[in-house]
Amino acid sequence: MLKKQFRLRKKYQFNYVYRVGQSCHGKYMLLVYTKSKNKNIKIGISASKKIGGAIIRNRARRLLRAAISPYLDGLNPNFNLIIVAKQSIVGEKLNVVKQDLENILKKAELL
């Protein structure tokens, strides 16, 4: 579970990142990011109904939270991120998702 200080919580925060942010695609997820005025990084995790039912969406969000947690200390501060799960994440293992996330973060120059 992400600590409160690292979470995007409000709908207007998500809307701002989607409207202003840049995106990077990976095999299992989409990363949308933008600069922020906050001193530490804020992360939101999303999985749409296109992925599947509630159990599958919750598992996808859990995988993404577990994948991002080792990188929290190494990420550039002053950014807001949204990680959106793709359909291909269903049934994947944590180490594969973590590797894909690392590639995306490097491509976006956030690591």
N, C-alpha and C. Protein backbone atom coordinates (compact mmCIF):
# COMPACT_ATOMS: atom_id res chain seq x y z
N MET A 1 0.84 -1.18 0.00
CA MET A 1 0.00 0.00 0.00
C MET A 1 0.89 1.24 0.00
N LEU A 2 0.54 2.18 -0.84
CA LEU A 2 1.27 3.44 -0.88
C LEU A 2 0.90 4.30 0.32
N LYS A 3 1.89 4.98 0.89
CA LYS A 3 1.61 5.90 1.99
C LYS A 3 0.78 7.07 1.49
N LYS A 4 0.04 7.71 2.38
CA LYS A 4 -0.83 8.82 1.99
C LYS A 4 -0.08 9.95 1.30
N GLN A 5 1.16 10.19 1.72
CA GLN A 5 1.92 11.29 1.14
C GLN A 5 2.26 11.06 -0.32
N PHE A 6 2.16 9.81 -0.80
CA PHE A 6 2.49 9.49 -2.19
C PHE A 6 1.26 9.30 -3.07
N ARG A 7 0.05 9.51 -2.58
CA ARG A 7 -1.15 9.19 -3.34
C ARG A 7 -1.83 10.40 -3.96
N LEU A 8 -2.28 10.23 -5.19
CA LEU A 8 -3.24 11.16 -5.78
C LEU A 8 -4.61 10.69 -5.31
N ARG A 9 -5.41 11.59 -4.77
CA ARG A 9 -6.66 11.15 -4.18
C ARG A 9 -7.90 11.73 -4.86
N LYS A 10 -7.84 12.98 -5.25
CA LYS A 10 -9.02 13.69 -5.71
C LYS A 10 -9.19 13.61 -7.22
N LYS A 11 -10.44 13.70 -7.65
CA LYS A 11 -10.75 13.61 -9.07
C LYS A 11 -10.10 14.75 -9.85
N TYR A 12 -10.07 15.95 -9.29
CA TYR A 12 -9.46 17.07 -10.00
C TYR A 12 -7.97 16.87 -10.20
N GLN A 13 -7.31 16.14 -9.29
CA GLN A 13 -5.88 15.86 -9.47
C GLN A 13 -5.67 14.91 -10.64
N PHE A 14 -6.50 13.87 -10.72
CA PHE A 14 -6.42 12.94 -11.85
C PHE A 14 -6.72 13.67 -13.16
N ASN A 15 -7.78 14.50 -13.17
CA ASN A 15 -8.14 15.22 -14.39
C ASN A 15 -7.03 16.15 -14.86
N TYR A 16 -6.36 16.81 -13.92
CA TYR A 16 -5.26 17.70 -14.27
C TYR A 16 -4.12 16.93 -14.94
N VAL A 17 -3.75 15.80 -14.36
CA VAL A 17 -2.65 15.01 -14.93
C VAL A 17 -3.02 14.49 -16.31
N TYR A 18 -4.26 14.00 -16.47
CA TYR A 18 -4.69 13.52 -17.78
C TYR A 18 -4.71 14.64 -18.81
N ARG A 19 -5.14 15.84 -18.41
CA ARG A 19 -5.28 16.95 -19.35
C ARG A 19 -3.93 17.54 -19.75
N VAL A 20 -3.02 17.72 -18.79
CA VAL A 20 -1.77 18.44 -19.03
C VAL A 20 -0.59 17.50 -19.29
N GLY A 21 -0.67 16.27 -18.78
CA GLY A 21 0.49 15.39 -18.74
C GLY A 21 0.91 14.78 -20.06
N GLN A 22 2.11 14.21 -20.02
CA GLN A 22 2.66 13.45 -21.13
C GLN A 22 2.49 11.98 -20.81
N SER A 23 2.59 11.13 -21.84
CA SER A 23 2.37 9.71 -21.58
C SER A 23 3.47 8.85 -22.20
N CYS A 24 3.68 7.70 -21.58
CA CYS A 24 4.59 6.67 -22.07
C CYS A 24 3.86 5.34 -21.98
N HIS A 25 3.95 4.55 -23.04
CA HIS A 25 3.28 3.26 -23.08
C HIS A 25 4.28 2.13 -22.86
N GLY A 26 3.80 1.12 -22.16
CA GLY A 26 4.54 -0.12 -22.00
C GLY A 26 3.63 -1.26 -22.41
N LYS A 27 4.11 -2.47 -22.24
CA LYS A 27 3.30 -3.63 -22.62
C LYS A 27 2.13 -3.83 -21.66
N TYR A 28 2.34 -3.55 -20.38
CA TYR A 28 1.32 -3.84 -19.37
C TYR A 28 0.66 -2.62 -18.77
N MET A 29 1.17 -1.42 -19.08
CA MET A 29 0.62 -0.23 -18.46
C MET A 29 0.90 1.02 -19.28
N LEU A 30 0.18 2.06 -18.94
CA LEU A 30 0.35 3.39 -19.50
C LEU A 30 0.74 4.31 -18.35
N LEU A 31 1.75 5.14 -18.55
CA LEU A 31 2.18 6.09 -17.54
C LEU A 31 1.89 7.49 -18.05
N VAL A 32 1.12 8.25 -17.27
CA VAL A 32 0.84 9.65 -17.58
C VAL A 32 1.48 10.46 -16.46
N TYR A 33 2.26 11.48 -16.81
CA TYR A 33 2.99 12.23 -15.80
C TYR A 33 3.05 13.70 -16.15
N THR A 34 3.17 14.53 -15.11
CA THR A 34 3.30 15.96 -15.29
C THR A 34 4.03 16.56 -14.08
N LYS A 35 4.61 17.72 -14.29
CA LYS A 35 5.28 18.44 -13.20
C LYS A 35 4.24 18.88 -12.19
N SER A 36 4.69 19.03 -10.95
CA SER A 36 3.79 19.42 -9.87
C SER A 36 4.46 20.46 -8.99
N LYS A 37 3.67 21.16 -8.19
CA LYS A 37 4.22 22.14 -7.26
C LYS A 37 4.56 21.51 -5.92
N ASN A 38 4.13 20.27 -5.71
CA ASN A 38 4.41 19.57 -4.45
C ASN A 38 5.88 19.20 -4.38
N LYS A 39 6.36 19.02 -3.16
CA LYS A 39 7.77 18.68 -2.98
C LYS A 39 8.04 17.20 -3.13
N ASN A 40 7.02 16.37 -3.01
CA ASN A 40 7.25 14.94 -3.21
C ASN A 40 6.32 14.41 -4.29
N ILE A 41 6.62 13.23 -4.74
CA ILE A 41 5.91 12.64 -5.87
C ILE A 41 4.53 12.14 -5.43
N LYS A 42 3.55 12.28 -6.30
CA LYS A 42 2.19 11.77 -6.05
C LYS A 42 1.86 10.78 -7.15
N ILE A 43 1.28 9.63 -6.75
CA ILE A 43 1.01 8.55 -7.69
C ILE A 43 -0.45 8.13 -7.58
N GLY A 44 -1.09 7.97 -8.74
CA GLY A 44 -2.43 7.42 -8.80
C GLY A 44 -2.40 6.16 -9.65
N ILE A 45 -3.18 5.17 -9.26
CA ILE A 45 -3.21 3.90 -9.99
C ILE A 45 -4.64 3.64 -10.43
N SER A 46 -4.79 3.25 -11.69
CA SER A 46 -6.12 3.09 -12.26
C SER A 46 -6.20 1.80 -13.07
N ALA A 47 -7.38 1.19 -13.06
CA ALA A 47 -7.65 0.02 -13.89
C ALA A 47 -9.11 0.13 -14.33
N SER A 48 -9.35 0.21 -15.62
CA SER A 48 -10.72 0.41 -16.10
C SER A 48 -11.49 -0.91 -16.18
N LYS A 49 -12.77 -0.81 -16.43
CA LYS A 49 -13.62 -1.99 -16.52
C LYS A 49 -13.34 -2.82 -17.77
N LYS A 50 -12.58 -2.26 -18.70
CA LYS A 50 -12.20 -3.02 -19.89
C LYS A 50 -11.33 -4.22 -19.53
N ILE A 51 -10.62 -4.13 -18.42
CA ILE A 51 -9.73 -5.20 -17.99
C ILE A 51 -10.51 -6.43 -17.55
N GLY A 52 -11.57 -6.21 -16.81
CA GLY A 52 -12.37 -7.34 -16.33
C GLY A 52 -13.18 -6.95 -15.11
N GLY A 53 -13.61 -7.94 -14.38
CA GLY A 53 -14.42 -7.71 -13.19
C GLY A 53 -13.62 -7.12 -12.04
N ALA A 54 -14.28 -6.94 -10.92
CA ALA A 54 -13.67 -6.28 -9.77
C ALA A 54 -12.45 -7.04 -9.25
N ILE A 55 -12.52 -8.34 -9.23
CA ILE A 55 -11.39 -9.13 -8.71
C ILE A 55 -10.16 -8.95 -9.58
N ILE A 56 -10.34 -8.95 -10.86
CA ILE A 56 -9.22 -8.79 -11.80
C ILE A 56 -8.65 -7.37 -11.72
N ARG A 57 -9.53 -6.37 -11.64
CA ARG A 57 -9.07 -4.98 -11.53
C ARG A 57 -8.30 -4.75 -10.23
N ASN A 58 -8.79 -5.32 -9.14
CA ASN A 58 -8.11 -5.17 -7.85
C ASN A 58 -6.73 -5.83 -7.89
N ARG A 59 -6.64 -6.99 -8.52
CA ARG A 59 -5.33 -7.66 -8.64
C ARG A 59 -4.38 -6.81 -9.48
N ALA A 60 -4.88 -6.21 -10.55
CA ALA A 60 -4.03 -5.37 -11.39
C ALA A 60 -3.52 -4.16 -10.60
N ARG A 61 -4.38 -3.54 -9.81
CA ARG A 61 -3.95 -2.41 -9.00
C ARG A 61 -2.94 -2.83 -7.93
N ARG A 62 -3.16 -3.99 -7.33
CA ARG A 62 -2.20 -4.50 -6.34
C ARG A 62 -0.83 -4.76 -6.98
N LEU A 63 -0.84 -5.34 -8.17
CA LEU A 63 0.42 -5.57 -8.89
C LEU A 63 1.14 -4.25 -9.16
N LEU A 64 0.41 -3.25 -9.60
CA LEU A 64 1.03 -1.96 -9.92
C LEU A 64 1.56 -1.28 -8.66
N ARG A 65 0.83 -1.35 -7.56
CA ARG A 65 1.32 -0.78 -6.30
C ARG A 65 2.59 -1.47 -5.84
N ALA A 66 2.61 -2.80 -5.94
CA ALA A 66 3.80 -3.55 -5.53
C ALA A 66 4.97 -3.26 -6.46
N ALA A 67 4.71 -3.03 -7.73
CA ALA A 67 5.78 -2.76 -8.70
C ALA A 67 6.39 -1.38 -8.49
N ILE A 68 5.60 -0.38 -8.12
CA ILE A 68 6.11 0.98 -7.99
C ILE A 68 6.81 1.22 -6.65
N SER A 69 6.46 0.46 -5.63
CA SER A 69 6.98 0.75 -4.28
C SER A 69 8.51 0.71 -4.17
N PRO A 70 9.24 -0.20 -4.84
CA PRO A 70 10.71 -0.15 -4.71
C PRO A 70 11.35 1.08 -5.35
N TYR A 71 10.63 1.74 -6.26
CA TYR A 71 11.20 2.88 -6.99
C TYR A 71 10.85 4.23 -6.37
N LEU A 72 10.08 4.26 -5.28
CA LEU A 72 9.63 5.53 -4.72
C LEU A 72 10.79 6.43 -4.30
N ASP A 73 11.83 5.87 -3.73
CA ASP A 73 12.96 6.69 -3.29
C ASP A 73 13.79 7.22 -4.45
N GLY A 74 13.83 6.49 -5.56
CA GLY A 74 14.67 6.88 -6.68
C GLY A 74 13.99 7.77 -7.71
N LEU A 75 12.68 8.00 -7.58
CA LEU A 75 11.96 8.81 -8.56
C LEU A 75 12.26 10.29 -8.37
N ASN A 76 12.23 11.04 -9.47
CA ASN A 76 12.41 12.48 -9.41
C ASN A 76 11.24 13.10 -8.65
N PRO A 77 11.53 14.02 -7.70
CA PRO A 77 10.43 14.66 -6.97
C PRO A 77 9.71 15.67 -7.87
N ASN A 78 8.65 16.26 -7.34
CA ASN A 78 7.87 17.29 -8.03
C ASN A 78 7.15 16.77 -9.27
N PHE A 79 6.70 15.53 -9.24
CA PHE A 79 5.94 14.97 -10.34
C PHE A 79 4.67 14.32 -9.83
N ASN A 80 3.63 14.37 -10.65
CA ASN A 80 2.42 13.59 -10.42
C ASN A 80 2.37 12.52 -11.49
N LEU A 81 2.11 11.27 -11.09
CA LEU A 81 2.05 10.13 -12.01
C LEU A 81 0.71 9.44 -11.91
N ILE A 82 0.23 8.96 -13.02
CA ILE A 82 -0.91 8.04 -13.04
C ILE A 82 -0.46 6.82 -13.83
N ILE A 83 -0.65 5.65 -13.23
CA ILE A 83 -0.31 4.40 -13.89
C ILE A 83 -1.63 3.70 -14.19
N VAL A 84 -1.88 3.46 -15.47
CA VAL A 84 -3.13 2.83 -15.91
C VAL A 84 -2.81 1.43 -16.41
N ALA A 85 -3.49 0.45 -15.85
CA ALA A 85 -3.27 -0.95 -16.24
C ALA A 85 -3.89 -1.21 -17.61
N LYS A 86 -3.21 -2.03 -18.40
CA LYS A 86 -3.73 -2.47 -19.69
C LYS A 86 -4.26 -3.90 -19.57
N GLN A 87 -5.01 -4.33 -20.56
CA GLN A 87 -5.60 -5.67 -20.58
C GLN A 87 -4.54 -6.76 -20.46
N SER A 88 -3.35 -6.53 -21.00
CA SER A 88 -2.31 -7.56 -21.01
C SER A 88 -1.72 -7.86 -19.63
N ILE A 89 -2.04 -7.06 -18.62
CA ILE A 89 -1.50 -7.29 -17.28
C ILE A 89 -2.17 -8.48 -16.58
N VAL A 90 -3.33 -8.88 -17.08
CA VAL A 90 -4.08 -9.98 -16.46
C VAL A 90 -3.26 -11.27 -16.52
N GLY A 91 -3.03 -11.86 -15.35
CA GLY A 91 -2.32 -13.13 -15.27
C GLY A 91 -0.81 -13.03 -15.27
N GLU A 92 -0.26 -11.83 -15.25
CA GLU A 92 1.20 -11.68 -15.27
C GLU A 92 1.78 -11.71 -13.86
N LYS A 93 3.07 -12.01 -13.77
CA LYS A 93 3.79 -12.07 -12.51
C LYS A 93 4.39 -10.71 -12.17
N LEU A 94 4.68 -10.52 -10.89
CA LEU A 94 5.17 -9.24 -10.40
C LEU A 94 6.50 -8.83 -11.03
N ASN A 95 7.44 -9.77 -11.17
CA ASN A 95 8.75 -9.38 -11.69
C ASN A 95 8.68 -8.91 -13.14
N VAL A 96 7.77 -9.45 -13.93
CA VAL A 96 7.60 -9.02 -15.33
C VAL A 96 7.01 -7.60 -15.37
N VAL A 97 6.02 -7.36 -14.52
CA VAL A 97 5.38 -6.03 -14.46
C VAL A 97 6.38 -5.00 -13.94
N LYS A 98 7.19 -5.38 -12.96
CA LYS A 98 8.18 -4.47 -12.40
C LYS A 98 9.22 -4.09 -13.45
N GLN A 99 9.64 -5.03 -14.26
CA GLN A 99 10.62 -4.74 -15.33
C GLN A 99 10.03 -3.79 -16.36
N ASP A 100 8.76 -4.00 -16.73
CA ASP A 100 8.10 -3.11 -17.68
C ASP A 100 7.98 -1.70 -17.11
N LEU A 101 7.64 -1.60 -15.83
CA LEU A 101 7.54 -0.29 -15.19
C LEU A 101 8.88 0.42 -15.15
N GLU A 102 9.94 -0.31 -14.86
CA GLU A 102 11.28 0.28 -14.85
C GLU A 102 11.65 0.83 -16.23
N ASN A 103 11.33 0.09 -17.29
CA ASN A 103 11.61 0.56 -18.64
C ASN A 103 10.84 1.83 -18.96
N ILE A 104 9.58 1.89 -18.54
CA ILE A 104 8.76 3.07 -18.80
C ILE A 104 9.30 4.27 -18.03
N LEU A 105 9.67 4.08 -16.77
CA LEU A 105 10.19 5.17 -15.96
C LEU A 105 11.49 5.71 -16.53
N LYS A 106 12.33 4.83 -17.06
CA LYS A 106 13.57 5.29 -17.69
C LYS A 106 13.30 6.04 -18.98
N LYS A 107 12.31 5.56 -19.75
CA LYS A 107 11.96 6.23 -21.00
C LYS A 107 11.41 7.63 -20.73
N ALA A 108 10.67 7.78 -19.64
CA ALA A 108 10.09 9.07 -19.27
C ALA A 108 11.09 9.93 -18.51
N GLU A 109 12.29 9.40 -18.23
CA GLU A 109 13.35 10.10 -17.50
C GLU A 109 12.90 10.51 -16.10
N LEU A 110 12.17 9.62 -15.44
CA LEU A 110 11.73 9.87 -14.07
C LEU A 110 12.59 9.15 -13.05
N LEU A 111 13.42 8.21 -13.47
CA LEU A 111 14.32 7.50 -12.56
C LEU A 111 15.68 8.16 -12.52
